[in-house]
Amino acid sequence: MSKKKDQPSPEARRKQVFIGLAVGAVVGIGLSLLTEFWLWLPAGLAVGLASGTILKPPAE
């Protein structure tokens, strides 16, 4: 098998990053509202972006 086949397409990678950002935004907003500490929002976005880039992209 070639490495090219094992790599996800750019569209799948982009979709995974956006999903990670959306989940991070929801978690960040939820924590911000629960704790009344607004810095949870950027922290949630950072975690969502990081997890979106390291997780396996969804199947096409």
N, C-alpha and C. Protein backbone atom coordinates (compact mmCIF):
# COMPACT_ATOMS: atom_id res chain seq x y z
N MET A 1 0.84 -1.20 0.00
CA MET A 1 0.00 0.00 0.00
C MET A 1 0.87 1.24 0.00
N SER A 2 0.47 2.19 -0.75
CA SER A 2 1.23 3.44 -0.78
C SER A 2 0.75 4.36 0.34
N LYS A 3 1.61 5.27 0.71
CA LYS A 3 1.24 6.21 1.78
C LYS A 3 0.17 7.18 1.32
N LYS A 4 0.09 7.43 0.01
CA LYS A 4 -0.90 8.36 -0.53
C LYS A 4 -2.32 7.87 -0.23
N LYS A 5 -2.55 6.55 -0.32
CA LYS A 5 -3.88 6.01 -0.06
C LYS A 5 -4.25 6.12 1.41
N ASP A 6 -3.26 6.03 2.29
CA ASP A 6 -3.52 6.08 3.73
C ASP A 6 -3.84 7.49 4.21
N GLN A 7 -3.44 8.50 3.47
CA GLN A 7 -3.65 9.88 3.88
C GLN A 7 -5.07 10.33 3.54
N PRO A 8 -5.72 11.06 4.45
CA PRO A 8 -7.07 11.57 4.16
C PRO A 8 -7.00 12.70 3.13
N SER A 9 -8.11 12.90 2.46
CA SER A 9 -8.16 13.98 1.47
C SER A 9 -8.18 15.33 2.20
N PRO A 10 -7.79 16.39 1.51
CA PRO A 10 -7.83 17.72 2.14
C PRO A 10 -9.24 18.13 2.58
N GLU A 11 -10.25 17.70 1.83
CA GLU A 11 -11.63 18.03 2.21
C GLU A 11 -12.01 17.35 3.53
N ALA A 12 -11.61 16.08 3.68
CA ALA A 12 -11.92 15.36 4.92
C ALA A 12 -11.17 15.98 6.09
N ARG A 13 -9.93 16.38 5.87
CA ARG A 13 -9.13 17.01 6.93
C ARG A 13 -9.76 18.34 7.35
N ARG A 14 -10.19 19.13 6.36
CA ARG A 14 -10.81 20.43 6.63
C ARG A 14 -12.12 20.25 7.40
N LYS A 15 -12.91 19.24 7.00
CA LYS A 15 -14.17 18.97 7.68
C LYS A 15 -13.93 18.59 9.14
N GLN A 16 -12.90 17.79 9.39
CA GLN A 16 -12.59 17.38 10.76
C GLN A 16 -12.18 18.57 11.61
N VAL A 17 -11.41 19.50 11.05
CA VAL A 17 -10.99 20.69 11.80
C VAL A 17 -12.20 21.54 12.16
N PHE A 18 -13.13 21.72 11.20
CA PHE A 18 -14.32 22.51 11.47
C PHE A 18 -15.22 21.84 12.51
N ILE A 19 -15.31 20.51 12.47
CA ILE A 19 -16.09 19.78 13.48
C ILE A 19 -15.46 19.98 14.85
N GLY A 20 -14.14 19.90 14.91
CA GLY A 20 -13.43 20.12 16.18
C GLY A 20 -13.65 21.52 16.72
N LEU A 21 -13.60 22.52 15.84
CA LEU A 21 -13.85 23.90 16.28
C LEU A 21 -15.28 24.08 16.78
N ALA A 22 -16.24 23.46 16.09
CA ALA A 22 -17.64 23.58 16.52
C ALA A 22 -17.84 22.94 17.89
N VAL A 23 -17.28 21.76 18.08
CA VAL A 23 -17.41 21.09 19.38
C VAL A 23 -16.70 21.90 20.46
N GLY A 24 -15.52 22.43 20.15
CA GLY A 24 -14.79 23.24 21.11
C GLY A 24 -15.55 24.51 21.48
N ALA A 25 -16.22 25.12 20.49
CA ALA A 25 -17.01 26.32 20.76
C ALA A 25 -18.18 26.00 21.68
N VAL A 26 -18.85 24.90 21.42
CA VAL A 26 -20.00 24.51 22.25
C VAL A 26 -19.53 24.24 23.68
N VAL A 27 -18.44 23.48 23.82
CA VAL A 27 -17.93 23.17 25.16
C VAL A 27 -17.45 24.46 25.85
N GLY A 28 -16.75 25.32 25.13
CA GLY A 28 -16.26 26.57 25.71
C GLY A 28 -17.39 27.49 26.15
N ILE A 29 -18.42 27.60 25.32
CA ILE A 29 -19.57 28.44 25.68
C ILE A 29 -20.30 27.83 26.88
N GLY A 30 -20.45 26.52 26.88
CA GLY A 30 -21.12 25.86 28.01
C GLY A 30 -20.38 26.08 29.32
N LEU A 31 -19.06 25.89 29.28
CA LEU A 31 -18.27 26.10 30.50
C LEU A 31 -18.27 27.57 30.91
N SER A 32 -18.23 28.47 29.93
CA SER A 32 -18.26 29.90 30.24
C SER A 32 -19.56 30.28 30.93
N LEU A 33 -20.66 29.74 30.46
CA LEU A 33 -21.95 30.05 31.07
C LEU A 33 -22.08 29.43 32.46
N LEU A 34 -21.57 28.22 32.62
CA LEU A 34 -21.68 27.55 33.92
C LEU A 34 -20.79 28.20 34.99
N THR A 35 -19.60 28.62 34.59
CA THR A 35 -18.64 29.13 35.58
C THR A 35 -18.58 30.65 35.61
N GLU A 36 -19.22 31.30 34.65
CA GLU A 36 -19.18 32.75 34.51
C GLU A 36 -17.74 33.27 34.39
N PHE A 37 -16.91 32.49 33.70
CA PHE A 37 -15.52 32.85 33.46
C PHE A 37 -15.30 32.77 31.96
N TRP A 38 -15.21 33.93 31.29
CA TRP A 38 -15.24 33.99 29.83
C TRP A 38 -14.02 33.38 29.16
N LEU A 39 -12.93 33.16 29.87
CA LEU A 39 -11.73 32.59 29.23
C LEU A 39 -11.87 31.11 28.90
N TRP A 40 -12.97 30.48 29.33
CA TRP A 40 -13.19 29.10 28.93
C TRP A 40 -13.49 29.01 27.45
N LEU A 41 -14.02 30.06 26.85
CA LEU A 41 -14.34 30.02 25.41
C LEU A 41 -13.09 29.85 24.56
N PRO A 42 -12.05 30.68 24.70
CA PRO A 42 -10.85 30.43 23.89
C PRO A 42 -10.18 29.11 24.25
N ALA A 43 -10.26 28.71 25.51
CA ALA A 43 -9.68 27.41 25.89
C ALA A 43 -10.42 26.27 25.20
N GLY A 44 -11.74 26.37 25.14
CA GLY A 44 -12.54 25.36 24.44
C GLY A 44 -12.23 25.32 22.96
N LEU A 45 -12.07 26.49 22.35
CA LEU A 45 -11.71 26.54 20.93
C LEU A 45 -10.33 25.93 20.67
N ALA A 46 -9.39 26.19 21.56
CA ALA A 46 -8.05 25.63 21.40
C ALA A 46 -8.08 24.11 21.52
N VAL A 47 -8.81 23.59 22.48
CA VAL A 47 -8.92 22.15 22.64
C VAL A 47 -9.63 21.53 21.45
N GLY A 48 -10.69 22.18 20.97
CA GLY A 48 -11.41 21.68 19.80
C GLY A 48 -10.53 21.67 18.56
N LEU A 49 -9.75 22.72 18.37
CA LEU A 49 -8.86 22.77 17.22
C LEU A 49 -7.78 21.70 17.32
N ALA A 50 -7.22 21.54 18.50
CA ALA A 50 -6.18 20.52 18.67
C ALA A 50 -6.74 19.12 18.44
N SER A 51 -7.89 18.83 19.01
CA SER A 51 -8.45 17.49 18.83
C SER A 51 -8.92 17.29 17.39
N GLY A 52 -9.40 18.34 16.75
CA GLY A 52 -9.81 18.22 15.36
C GLY A 52 -8.65 17.94 14.42
N THR A 53 -7.47 18.40 14.76
CA THR A 53 -6.33 18.16 13.87
C THR A 53 -5.65 16.82 14.13
N ILE A 54 -5.77 16.28 15.34
CA ILE A 54 -5.08 15.02 15.61
C ILE A 54 -5.98 13.80 15.45
N LEU A 55 -7.29 13.96 15.48
CA LEU A 55 -8.18 12.83 15.33
C LEU A 55 -8.24 12.36 13.87
N LYS A 56 -8.62 11.13 13.69
CA LYS A 56 -8.76 10.58 12.34
C LYS A 56 -9.96 11.25 11.65
N PRO A 57 -9.79 11.75 10.45
CA PRO A 57 -10.89 12.39 9.74
C PRO A 57 -12.03 11.41 9.45
N PRO A 58 -13.25 11.91 9.31
CA PRO A 58 -14.39 11.02 9.04
C PRO A 58 -14.26 10.35 7.68
N ALA A 59 -14.93 9.22 7.53
CA ALA A 59 -14.92 8.51 6.25
C ALA A 59 -15.64 9.34 5.21
N GLU A 60 -15.20 9.21 4.01
CA GLU A 60 -15.82 9.99 2.92
C GLU A 60 -17.01 9.29 2.35
